[in-house]
N, C-alpha and C. Protein backbone atom coordinates (compact mmCIF):
# COMPACT_ATOMS: atom_id res chain seq x y z
N MET A 1 0.82 -1.19 0.00
CA MET A 1 0.00 0.00 0.00
C MET A 1 0.86 1.25 0.00
N ARG A 2 2.10 1.13 -0.30
CA ARG A 2 3.02 2.28 -0.30
C ARG A 2 2.55 3.34 -1.29
N LYS A 3 2.50 4.59 -0.83
CA LYS A 3 2.15 5.74 -1.67
C LYS A 3 3.25 6.76 -1.54
N GLU A 4 3.80 7.18 -2.66
CA GLU A 4 4.81 8.24 -2.69
C GLU A 4 4.22 9.43 -3.42
N MET A 5 4.23 10.59 -2.75
CA MET A 5 3.63 11.79 -3.33
C MET A 5 4.60 12.97 -3.26
N ARG A 6 4.52 13.80 -4.27
CA ARG A 6 5.30 15.04 -4.29
C ARG A 6 4.33 16.20 -4.50
N LEU A 7 4.33 17.12 -3.56
CA LEU A 7 3.49 18.31 -3.66
C LEU A 7 4.41 19.47 -4.00
N SER A 8 4.10 20.21 -5.06
CA SER A 8 5.01 21.26 -5.50
C SER A 8 4.26 22.52 -5.91
N GLY A 9 4.98 23.61 -5.82
CA GLY A 9 4.43 24.91 -6.17
C GLY A 9 5.49 25.95 -5.96
N SER A 10 5.06 27.14 -5.56
CA SER A 10 6.04 28.18 -5.23
C SER A 10 5.93 28.47 -3.74
N GLY A 11 7.00 28.99 -3.19
CA GLY A 11 7.01 29.31 -1.77
C GLY A 11 5.86 30.21 -1.40
N GLY A 12 5.20 29.91 -0.31
CA GLY A 12 4.06 30.70 0.12
C GLY A 12 2.72 30.08 -0.23
N GLN A 13 2.71 29.05 -1.09
CA GLN A 13 1.45 28.41 -1.46
C GLN A 13 1.01 27.36 -0.44
N GLY A 14 1.88 27.00 0.47
CA GLY A 14 1.49 26.08 1.54
C GLY A 14 1.60 24.61 1.22
N VAL A 15 2.38 24.23 0.19
CA VAL A 15 2.49 22.81 -0.13
C VAL A 15 3.22 22.03 0.97
N ILE A 16 4.13 22.68 1.66
CA ILE A 16 4.84 22.00 2.75
C ILE A 16 3.87 21.74 3.91
N THR A 17 3.08 22.72 4.26
CA THR A 17 2.08 22.54 5.32
C THR A 17 1.10 21.43 4.95
N ALA A 18 0.65 21.41 3.71
CA ALA A 18 -0.28 20.37 3.26
C ALA A 18 0.35 18.98 3.40
N ALA A 19 1.61 18.86 3.03
CA ALA A 19 2.30 17.56 3.13
C ALA A 19 2.46 17.12 4.58
N ILE A 20 2.77 18.07 5.45
CA ILE A 20 2.91 17.74 6.87
C ILE A 20 1.57 17.23 7.42
N ILE A 21 0.49 17.91 7.08
CA ILE A 21 -0.83 17.52 7.55
C ILE A 21 -1.19 16.12 7.02
N PHE A 22 -0.88 15.87 5.76
CA PHE A 22 -1.17 14.56 5.16
C PHE A 22 -0.42 13.46 5.91
N ALA A 23 0.87 13.69 6.17
CA ALA A 23 1.68 12.71 6.89
C ALA A 23 1.15 12.50 8.31
N GLU A 24 0.77 13.58 8.98
CA GLU A 24 0.22 13.46 10.33
C GLU A 24 -1.07 12.63 10.35
N ALA A 25 -1.90 12.80 9.33
CA ALA A 25 -3.14 12.03 9.24
C ALA A 25 -2.83 10.54 9.07
N ALA A 26 -1.85 10.23 8.26
CA ALA A 26 -1.47 8.83 8.05
C ALA A 26 -0.98 8.21 9.36
N VAL A 27 -0.16 8.94 10.10
CA VAL A 27 0.35 8.44 11.39
C VAL A 27 -0.81 8.25 12.36
N GLN A 28 -1.75 9.18 12.35
CA GLN A 28 -2.92 9.08 13.23
C GLN A 28 -3.71 7.80 12.94
N GLU A 29 -3.67 7.33 11.70
CA GLU A 29 -4.37 6.10 11.33
C GLU A 29 -3.52 4.85 11.57
N GLY A 30 -2.33 5.04 12.17
CA GLY A 30 -1.48 3.90 12.48
C GLY A 30 -0.55 3.47 11.35
N LYS A 31 -0.45 4.29 10.33
CA LYS A 31 0.43 3.99 9.21
C LYS A 31 1.81 4.59 9.46
N GLU A 32 2.78 4.14 8.72
CA GLU A 32 4.11 4.74 8.73
C GLU A 32 4.08 5.90 7.74
N ALA A 33 4.74 6.99 8.07
CA ALA A 33 4.79 8.14 7.16
C ALA A 33 6.05 8.95 7.38
N VAL A 34 6.61 9.45 6.30
CA VAL A 34 7.72 10.39 6.37
C VAL A 34 7.40 11.56 5.44
N GLN A 35 7.93 12.70 5.81
CA GLN A 35 7.70 13.91 5.02
C GLN A 35 9.03 14.64 4.93
N SER A 36 9.36 15.12 3.74
CA SER A 36 10.58 15.92 3.56
C SER A 36 10.22 17.12 2.68
N GLN A 37 11.10 18.09 2.67
CA GLN A 37 10.79 19.32 1.93
C GLN A 37 12.06 19.99 1.42
N SER A 38 11.88 20.79 0.39
CA SER A 38 12.98 21.63 -0.10
C SER A 38 12.38 22.84 -0.79
N TYR A 39 13.09 23.93 -0.70
CA TYR A 39 12.63 25.16 -1.33
C TYR A 39 13.85 26.02 -1.63
N GLY A 40 13.68 26.91 -2.60
CA GLY A 40 14.76 27.79 -3.01
C GLY A 40 15.10 28.80 -1.93
N PRO A 41 16.26 29.43 -2.03
CA PRO A 41 16.69 30.38 -1.01
C PRO A 41 15.78 31.60 -0.90
N GLU A 42 15.01 31.86 -1.94
CA GLU A 42 14.12 33.02 -1.89
C GLU A 42 12.83 32.72 -1.14
N ALA A 43 12.58 31.46 -0.77
CA ALA A 43 11.41 31.00 -0.02
C ALA A 43 10.11 31.45 -0.70
N ARG A 44 9.58 32.61 -0.38
CA ARG A 44 8.32 33.04 -1.01
C ARG A 44 8.54 33.33 -2.48
N GLY A 45 7.80 32.63 -3.32
CA GLY A 45 7.89 32.85 -4.75
C GLY A 45 8.84 31.90 -5.45
N GLY A 46 9.79 31.30 -4.73
CA GLY A 46 10.72 30.36 -5.34
C GLY A 46 10.12 28.97 -5.40
N ALA A 47 10.77 28.09 -6.12
CA ALA A 47 10.30 26.71 -6.24
C ALA A 47 10.25 26.05 -4.87
N SER A 48 9.21 25.27 -4.65
CA SER A 48 9.00 24.61 -3.37
C SER A 48 8.44 23.22 -3.62
N LYS A 49 8.93 22.24 -2.89
CA LYS A 49 8.33 20.92 -2.99
C LYS A 49 8.40 20.24 -1.63
N SER A 50 7.45 19.36 -1.44
CA SER A 50 7.42 18.57 -0.23
C SER A 50 7.00 17.17 -0.64
N GLU A 51 7.62 16.19 -0.03
CA GLU A 51 7.34 14.81 -0.39
C GLU A 51 6.81 14.05 0.81
N VAL A 52 5.91 13.13 0.55
CA VAL A 52 5.31 12.30 1.59
C VAL A 52 5.34 10.85 1.12
N ILE A 53 5.76 9.98 2.01
CA ILE A 53 5.66 8.54 1.77
C ILE A 53 4.79 7.98 2.88
N VAL A 54 3.80 7.19 2.49
CA VAL A 54 2.92 6.52 3.45
C VAL A 54 2.96 5.03 3.13
N ASP A 55 3.10 4.22 4.17
CA ASP A 55 3.18 2.79 3.98
C ASP A 55 2.66 2.07 5.22
N GLU A 56 2.30 0.82 5.05
CA GLU A 56 1.90 -0.01 6.19
C GLU A 56 3.15 -0.56 6.89
N SER A 57 4.26 -0.64 6.16
CA SER A 57 5.52 -1.19 6.66
C SER A 57 6.51 -0.07 6.96
N PRO A 58 7.58 -0.38 7.69
CA PRO A 58 8.59 0.65 7.97
C PRO A 58 9.16 1.24 6.67
N ILE A 59 9.48 2.51 6.73
CA ILE A 59 10.03 3.23 5.58
C ILE A 59 11.51 3.45 5.87
N TYR A 60 12.36 2.84 5.08
CA TYR A 60 13.80 2.91 5.35
C TYR A 60 14.50 4.03 4.58
N HIS A 61 13.93 4.46 3.47
CA HIS A 61 14.53 5.55 2.70
C HIS A 61 13.50 6.68 2.62
N PRO A 62 13.78 7.81 3.25
CA PRO A 62 12.75 8.85 3.40
C PRO A 62 12.54 9.77 2.21
N HIS A 63 13.14 9.46 1.06
CA HIS A 63 12.97 10.36 -0.09
C HIS A 63 12.23 9.65 -1.22
N VAL A 64 11.37 10.38 -1.87
CA VAL A 64 10.59 9.86 -2.99
C VAL A 64 11.51 9.71 -4.19
N LYS A 65 11.50 8.53 -4.78
CA LYS A 65 12.29 8.28 -6.00
C LYS A 65 11.40 8.38 -7.23
N THR A 66 10.30 7.64 -7.21
CA THR A 66 9.36 7.66 -8.33
C THR A 66 7.95 7.83 -7.74
N PRO A 67 7.46 9.05 -7.70
CA PRO A 67 6.16 9.29 -7.07
C PRO A 67 5.00 8.64 -7.79
N ASP A 68 3.99 8.27 -7.00
CA ASP A 68 2.73 7.78 -7.54
C ASP A 68 1.86 8.95 -7.96
N LEU A 69 2.09 10.09 -7.31
CA LEU A 69 1.29 11.28 -7.56
C LEU A 69 2.17 12.52 -7.41
N VAL A 70 1.98 13.45 -8.33
CA VAL A 70 2.64 14.75 -8.22
C VAL A 70 1.55 15.82 -8.31
N LEU A 71 1.54 16.71 -7.33
CA LEU A 71 0.68 17.89 -7.36
C LEU A 71 1.55 19.05 -7.80
N ALA A 72 1.10 19.78 -8.82
CA ALA A 72 1.82 20.98 -9.27
C ALA A 72 0.88 22.17 -9.22
N MET A 73 1.26 23.14 -8.38
CA MET A 73 0.43 24.33 -8.19
C MET A 73 0.85 25.49 -9.09
N THR A 74 1.97 25.34 -9.83
CA THR A 74 2.43 26.36 -10.77
C THR A 74 2.99 25.69 -12.02
N GLN A 75 3.11 26.45 -13.08
CA GLN A 75 3.68 25.94 -14.32
C GLN A 75 5.12 25.47 -14.10
N LYS A 76 5.90 26.30 -13.42
CA LYS A 76 7.30 25.97 -13.15
C LYS A 76 7.42 24.66 -12.35
N ALA A 77 6.56 24.50 -11.36
CA ALA A 77 6.58 23.28 -10.56
C ALA A 77 6.22 22.06 -11.40
N ALA A 78 5.23 22.22 -12.28
CA ALA A 78 4.83 21.11 -13.14
C ALA A 78 6.00 20.65 -14.01
N GLU A 79 6.68 21.61 -14.60
CA GLU A 79 7.80 21.28 -15.48
C GLU A 79 8.97 20.69 -14.71
N LYS A 80 9.22 21.19 -13.53
CA LYS A 80 10.40 20.79 -12.76
C LYS A 80 10.24 19.45 -12.03
N TYR A 81 9.04 19.13 -11.56
CA TYR A 81 8.89 18.02 -10.62
C TYR A 81 8.11 16.80 -11.10
N TYR A 82 7.60 16.81 -12.33
CA TYR A 82 6.80 15.65 -12.73
C TYR A 82 7.63 14.58 -13.45
N GLY A 83 8.85 14.87 -13.83
CA GLY A 83 9.65 14.02 -14.70
C GLY A 83 9.84 12.58 -14.27
N ASP A 84 9.92 12.31 -12.97
CA ASP A 84 10.15 10.93 -12.52
C ASP A 84 8.87 10.27 -11.99
N LEU A 85 7.73 10.84 -12.34
CA LEU A 85 6.44 10.29 -11.96
C LEU A 85 6.29 8.89 -12.58
N LYS A 86 5.77 7.96 -11.81
CA LYS A 86 5.55 6.60 -12.33
C LYS A 86 4.70 6.67 -13.59
N GLU A 87 4.94 5.73 -14.49
CA GLU A 87 4.22 5.69 -15.75
C GLU A 87 2.70 5.66 -15.55
N ASP A 88 2.26 4.92 -14.53
CA ASP A 88 0.83 4.85 -14.25
C ASP A 88 0.42 5.82 -13.13
N GLY A 89 1.32 6.75 -12.81
CA GLY A 89 1.04 7.73 -11.77
C GLY A 89 0.06 8.79 -12.23
N VAL A 90 -0.24 9.72 -11.31
CA VAL A 90 -1.22 10.77 -11.58
C VAL A 90 -0.57 12.14 -11.37
N LEU A 91 -0.76 13.00 -12.33
CA LEU A 91 -0.29 14.38 -12.24
C LEU A 91 -1.51 15.26 -11.98
N VAL A 92 -1.54 15.90 -10.82
CA VAL A 92 -2.66 16.76 -10.43
C VAL A 92 -2.20 18.20 -10.59
N LEU A 93 -2.96 18.97 -11.37
CA LEU A 93 -2.56 20.34 -11.68
C LEU A 93 -3.60 21.36 -11.24
N ASP A 94 -3.11 22.52 -10.79
CA ASP A 94 -3.99 23.67 -10.62
C ASP A 94 -4.20 24.21 -12.03
N GLU A 95 -5.37 23.94 -12.60
CA GLU A 95 -5.56 24.18 -14.03
C GLU A 95 -5.39 25.64 -14.45
N ASP A 96 -5.62 26.58 -13.56
CA ASP A 96 -5.44 27.99 -13.93
C ASP A 96 -3.98 28.42 -13.88
N LEU A 97 -3.21 27.82 -13.00
CA LEU A 97 -1.81 28.23 -12.83
C LEU A 97 -0.84 27.35 -13.62
N VAL A 98 -1.37 26.31 -14.26
CA VAL A 98 -0.55 25.46 -15.14
C VAL A 98 -1.27 25.43 -16.50
N PRO A 99 -1.13 26.53 -17.28
CA PRO A 99 -1.86 26.63 -18.54
C PRO A 99 -1.34 25.68 -19.63
N GLU A 100 -0.09 25.24 -19.50
CA GLU A 100 0.48 24.33 -20.50
C GLU A 100 0.90 23.04 -19.80
N PRO A 101 -0.06 22.11 -19.61
CA PRO A 101 0.25 20.88 -18.89
C PRO A 101 1.30 20.04 -19.60
N PRO A 102 2.19 19.43 -18.84
CA PRO A 102 3.16 18.53 -19.46
C PRO A 102 2.42 17.37 -20.13
N LYS A 103 3.02 16.82 -21.14
CA LYS A 103 2.43 15.67 -21.82
C LYS A 103 2.62 14.45 -20.93
N PHE A 104 1.52 14.03 -20.32
CA PHE A 104 1.54 12.87 -19.43
C PHE A 104 0.18 12.19 -19.55
N PRO A 105 0.15 10.86 -19.54
CA PRO A 105 -1.13 10.18 -19.80
C PRO A 105 -2.21 10.36 -18.74
N HIS A 106 -1.85 10.55 -17.47
CA HIS A 106 -2.86 10.62 -16.41
C HIS A 106 -2.80 11.97 -15.71
N VAL A 107 -3.55 12.93 -16.23
CA VAL A 107 -3.56 14.29 -15.68
C VAL A 107 -4.95 14.60 -15.13
N ILE A 108 -4.97 15.15 -13.93
CA ILE A 108 -6.22 15.63 -13.33
C ILE A 108 -6.07 17.13 -13.14
N LYS A 109 -6.97 17.89 -13.77
CA LYS A 109 -6.93 19.35 -13.67
C LYS A 109 -8.07 19.82 -12.77
N ILE A 110 -7.70 20.60 -11.77
CA ILE A 110 -8.68 21.17 -10.84
C ILE A 110 -8.32 22.64 -10.66
N PRO A 111 -9.28 23.54 -10.71
CA PRO A 111 -8.99 24.96 -10.51
C PRO A 111 -8.80 25.28 -9.02
N ILE A 112 -7.75 24.75 -8.44
CA ILE A 112 -7.53 24.78 -6.99
C ILE A 112 -7.57 26.20 -6.41
N THR A 113 -6.75 27.07 -6.95
CA THR A 113 -6.66 28.43 -6.40
C THR A 113 -7.96 29.20 -6.64
N ARG A 114 -8.55 29.03 -7.81
CA ARG A 114 -9.82 29.70 -8.10
C ARG A 114 -10.91 29.25 -7.13
N LEU A 115 -10.96 27.95 -6.85
CA LEU A 115 -11.95 27.44 -5.90
C LEU A 115 -11.71 28.01 -4.50
N ALA A 116 -10.44 28.14 -4.12
CA ALA A 116 -10.12 28.70 -2.81
C ALA A 116 -10.66 30.12 -2.70
N VAL A 117 -10.51 30.90 -3.75
CA VAL A 117 -10.98 32.29 -3.75
C VAL A 117 -12.51 32.34 -3.81
N GLU A 118 -13.10 31.61 -4.77
CA GLU A 118 -14.54 31.70 -4.99
C GLU A 118 -15.37 31.06 -3.87
N LYS A 119 -14.90 29.96 -3.33
CA LYS A 119 -15.72 29.21 -2.37
C LYS A 119 -15.32 29.44 -0.91
N VAL A 120 -14.04 29.81 -0.68
CA VAL A 120 -13.58 29.97 0.70
C VAL A 120 -13.20 31.42 1.00
N GLY A 121 -12.88 32.19 -0.04
CA GLY A 121 -12.65 33.62 0.16
C GLY A 121 -11.23 34.12 0.02
N LYS A 122 -10.24 33.21 0.00
CA LYS A 122 -8.84 33.65 -0.09
C LYS A 122 -7.97 32.60 -0.76
N THR A 123 -6.95 33.06 -1.47
CA THR A 123 -5.97 32.14 -2.06
C THR A 123 -5.23 31.37 -0.97
N LEU A 124 -5.18 31.94 0.22
CA LEU A 124 -4.51 31.32 1.37
C LEU A 124 -4.94 29.87 1.60
N PHE A 125 -6.17 29.53 1.20
CA PHE A 125 -6.71 28.20 1.46
C PHE A 125 -6.51 27.23 0.30
N ALA A 126 -5.77 27.63 -0.72
CA ALA A 126 -5.56 26.76 -1.88
C ALA A 126 -4.88 25.45 -1.49
N ASN A 127 -3.94 25.52 -0.56
CA ASN A 127 -3.25 24.28 -0.16
C ASN A 127 -4.21 23.29 0.49
N ILE A 128 -5.19 23.78 1.22
CA ILE A 128 -6.14 22.89 1.89
C ILE A 128 -7.18 22.38 0.89
N VAL A 129 -7.54 23.20 -0.09
CA VAL A 129 -8.38 22.72 -1.19
C VAL A 129 -7.65 21.57 -1.89
N ALA A 130 -6.36 21.78 -2.18
CA ALA A 130 -5.56 20.74 -2.82
C ALA A 130 -5.50 19.49 -1.95
N LEU A 131 -5.34 19.67 -0.66
CA LEU A 131 -5.26 18.55 0.27
C LEU A 131 -6.56 17.72 0.23
N GLY A 132 -7.69 18.39 0.24
CA GLY A 132 -8.96 17.67 0.14
C GLY A 132 -9.05 16.86 -1.15
N ALA A 133 -8.58 17.45 -2.24
CA ALA A 133 -8.58 16.75 -3.53
C ALA A 133 -7.65 15.53 -3.48
N LEU A 134 -6.48 15.69 -2.90
CA LEU A 134 -5.51 14.59 -2.85
C LEU A 134 -6.02 13.43 -1.99
N VAL A 135 -6.69 13.74 -0.91
CA VAL A 135 -7.25 12.69 -0.06
C VAL A 135 -8.29 11.91 -0.86
N ARG A 136 -9.11 12.59 -1.62
CA ARG A 136 -10.13 11.92 -2.46
C ARG A 136 -9.48 11.10 -3.57
N ILE A 137 -8.48 11.66 -4.23
CA ILE A 137 -7.84 10.98 -5.36
C ILE A 137 -7.06 9.74 -4.92
N THR A 138 -6.33 9.85 -3.82
CA THR A 138 -5.46 8.74 -3.40
C THR A 138 -6.16 7.71 -2.54
N GLY A 139 -7.12 8.13 -1.72
CA GLY A 139 -7.75 7.20 -0.79
C GLY A 139 -6.79 6.69 0.28
N THR A 140 -5.68 7.38 0.47
CA THR A 140 -4.64 6.93 1.41
C THR A 140 -5.04 7.12 2.86
N VAL A 141 -5.75 8.20 3.15
CA VAL A 141 -6.25 8.44 4.50
C VAL A 141 -7.74 8.76 4.41
N LYS A 142 -8.43 8.59 5.52
CA LYS A 142 -9.86 8.87 5.57
C LYS A 142 -10.10 10.38 5.65
N PHE A 143 -11.24 10.79 5.10
CA PHE A 143 -11.59 12.21 5.13
C PHE A 143 -11.74 12.72 6.56
N GLU A 144 -12.33 11.93 7.43
CA GLU A 144 -12.49 12.34 8.83
C GLU A 144 -11.13 12.54 9.51
N THR A 145 -10.17 11.70 9.16
CA THR A 145 -8.84 11.82 9.76
C THR A 145 -8.14 13.09 9.29
N ILE A 146 -8.27 13.40 8.01
CA ILE A 146 -7.60 14.61 7.50
C ILE A 146 -8.26 15.85 8.11
N LYS A 147 -9.55 15.81 8.33
CA LYS A 147 -10.23 16.94 8.98
C LYS A 147 -9.65 17.16 10.38
N ASP A 148 -9.46 16.09 11.10
CA ASP A 148 -8.90 16.18 12.44
C ASP A 148 -7.48 16.73 12.41
N SER A 149 -6.67 16.25 11.46
CA SER A 149 -5.28 16.72 11.34
C SER A 149 -5.20 18.20 10.98
N VAL A 150 -6.09 18.62 10.08
CA VAL A 150 -6.12 20.04 9.71
C VAL A 150 -6.50 20.88 10.92
N ALA A 151 -7.53 20.47 11.63
CA ALA A 151 -8.00 21.23 12.79
C ALA A 151 -6.92 21.39 13.85
N LYS A 152 -6.06 20.39 13.99
CA LYS A 152 -4.98 20.46 14.98
C LYS A 152 -3.82 21.33 14.52
N ARG A 153 -3.66 21.53 13.22
CA ARG A 153 -2.49 22.20 12.68
C ARG A 153 -2.71 23.68 12.37
N VAL A 154 -3.92 24.07 11.99
CA VAL A 154 -4.16 25.45 11.56
C VAL A 154 -4.51 26.34 12.75
N PRO A 155 -4.37 27.66 12.60
CA PRO A 155 -4.76 28.57 13.68
C PRO A 155 -6.26 28.38 14.01
N PRO A 156 -6.60 28.38 15.29
CA PRO A 156 -7.99 28.12 15.71
C PRO A 156 -9.04 28.98 15.01
N HIS A 157 -8.72 30.24 14.76
CA HIS A 157 -9.71 31.12 14.14
C HIS A 157 -9.94 30.82 12.65
N THR A 158 -9.16 29.91 12.07
CA THR A 158 -9.33 29.57 10.65
C THR A 158 -9.88 28.15 10.43
N VAL A 159 -10.18 27.45 11.51
CA VAL A 159 -10.61 26.05 11.38
C VAL A 159 -11.84 25.92 10.47
N GLU A 160 -12.84 26.75 10.68
CA GLU A 160 -14.07 26.65 9.89
C GLU A 160 -13.80 26.83 8.39
N GLN A 161 -13.00 27.83 8.05
CA GLN A 161 -12.67 28.06 6.64
C GLN A 161 -11.84 26.91 6.08
N ASN A 162 -10.94 26.37 6.87
CA ASN A 162 -10.13 25.24 6.41
C ASN A 162 -10.98 23.99 6.19
N MET A 163 -11.98 23.78 7.04
CA MET A 163 -12.89 22.64 6.85
C MET A 163 -13.67 22.80 5.54
N LYS A 164 -14.07 24.03 5.28
CA LYS A 164 -14.77 24.30 4.03
C LYS A 164 -13.85 24.06 2.84
N ALA A 165 -12.60 24.51 2.95
CA ALA A 165 -11.62 24.30 1.87
C ALA A 165 -11.40 22.81 1.60
N LEU A 166 -11.28 22.02 2.65
CA LEU A 166 -11.12 20.56 2.49
C LEU A 166 -12.30 19.98 1.72
N GLN A 167 -13.50 20.37 2.12
CA GLN A 167 -14.71 19.87 1.48
C GLN A 167 -14.77 20.28 0.01
N VAL A 168 -14.39 21.51 -0.27
CA VAL A 168 -14.39 22.02 -1.65
C VAL A 168 -13.42 21.19 -2.50
N GLY A 169 -12.24 20.92 -1.99
CA GLY A 169 -11.26 20.11 -2.72
C GLY A 169 -11.74 18.69 -2.95
N TRP A 170 -12.31 18.09 -1.90
CA TRP A 170 -12.85 16.73 -1.98
C TRP A 170 -13.91 16.64 -3.08
N GLU A 171 -14.85 17.60 -3.05
CA GLU A 171 -15.94 17.59 -4.03
C GLU A 171 -15.44 17.85 -5.45
N ALA A 172 -14.47 18.74 -5.60
CA ALA A 172 -13.91 19.02 -6.93
C ALA A 172 -13.25 17.78 -7.51
N ALA A 173 -12.49 17.06 -6.69
CA ALA A 173 -11.83 15.84 -7.16
C ALA A 173 -12.87 14.77 -7.48
N GLU A 174 -13.91 14.69 -6.68
CA GLU A 174 -14.97 13.71 -6.92
C GLU A 174 -15.63 13.94 -8.29
N GLU A 175 -15.89 15.21 -8.60
CA GLU A 175 -16.49 15.56 -9.89
C GLU A 175 -15.57 15.18 -11.05
N VAL A 176 -14.31 15.49 -10.92
CA VAL A 176 -13.33 15.19 -11.98
C VAL A 176 -13.20 13.67 -12.16
N LEU A 177 -13.17 12.94 -11.05
CA LEU A 177 -13.05 11.48 -11.14
C LEU A 177 -14.30 10.85 -11.76
N LYS A 178 -15.47 11.37 -11.44
CA LYS A 178 -16.71 10.87 -12.04
C LYS A 178 -16.72 11.10 -13.55
N ALA A 179 -16.27 12.29 -13.95
CA ALA A 179 -16.24 12.64 -15.37
C ALA A 179 -15.28 11.78 -16.15
N ALA A 180 -14.25 11.27 -15.49
CA ALA A 180 -13.22 10.47 -16.16
C ALA A 180 -13.68 9.03 -16.40
N VAL A 181 -14.73 8.62 -15.70
CA VAL A 181 -15.19 7.22 -15.80
C VAL A 181 -15.99 6.99 -17.07
């Protein structure tokens, strides 16, 4: 049941926070999980990626070699981080911020940032919209568990908006997956 994921974007989009929350949810369910991250020296605006491995068994190498899923929140991230995606893997894109998707057989486009603005009120919640979508797409952790992990990690005054963002992402991914069938 090993899942290797790479979440990427630009600094400030919250992909590292989303990966941490995802890993915490997996641990909460009794799974093994590791999370690592890297970002450019400019932090905000520079390339950013975070990787998560979830498994039922011990994880001996904490870095993703060939991800099952890559989330790209920007065009630059899509181009830079999808190259070693497994052949049968899934590339999830913020469709508005990745106008020229890489040529890959399994692409899921979701207007992540637009949904965060239109449905939750701020781009700040795009990472949590993405997180809701990833939970739906991968099935790696339960929706109730990710809600609990988000609630524990975000500032208390933003919990309600973050719960809404999770739901928005979950529903957006569900619609895209239904359309693909």
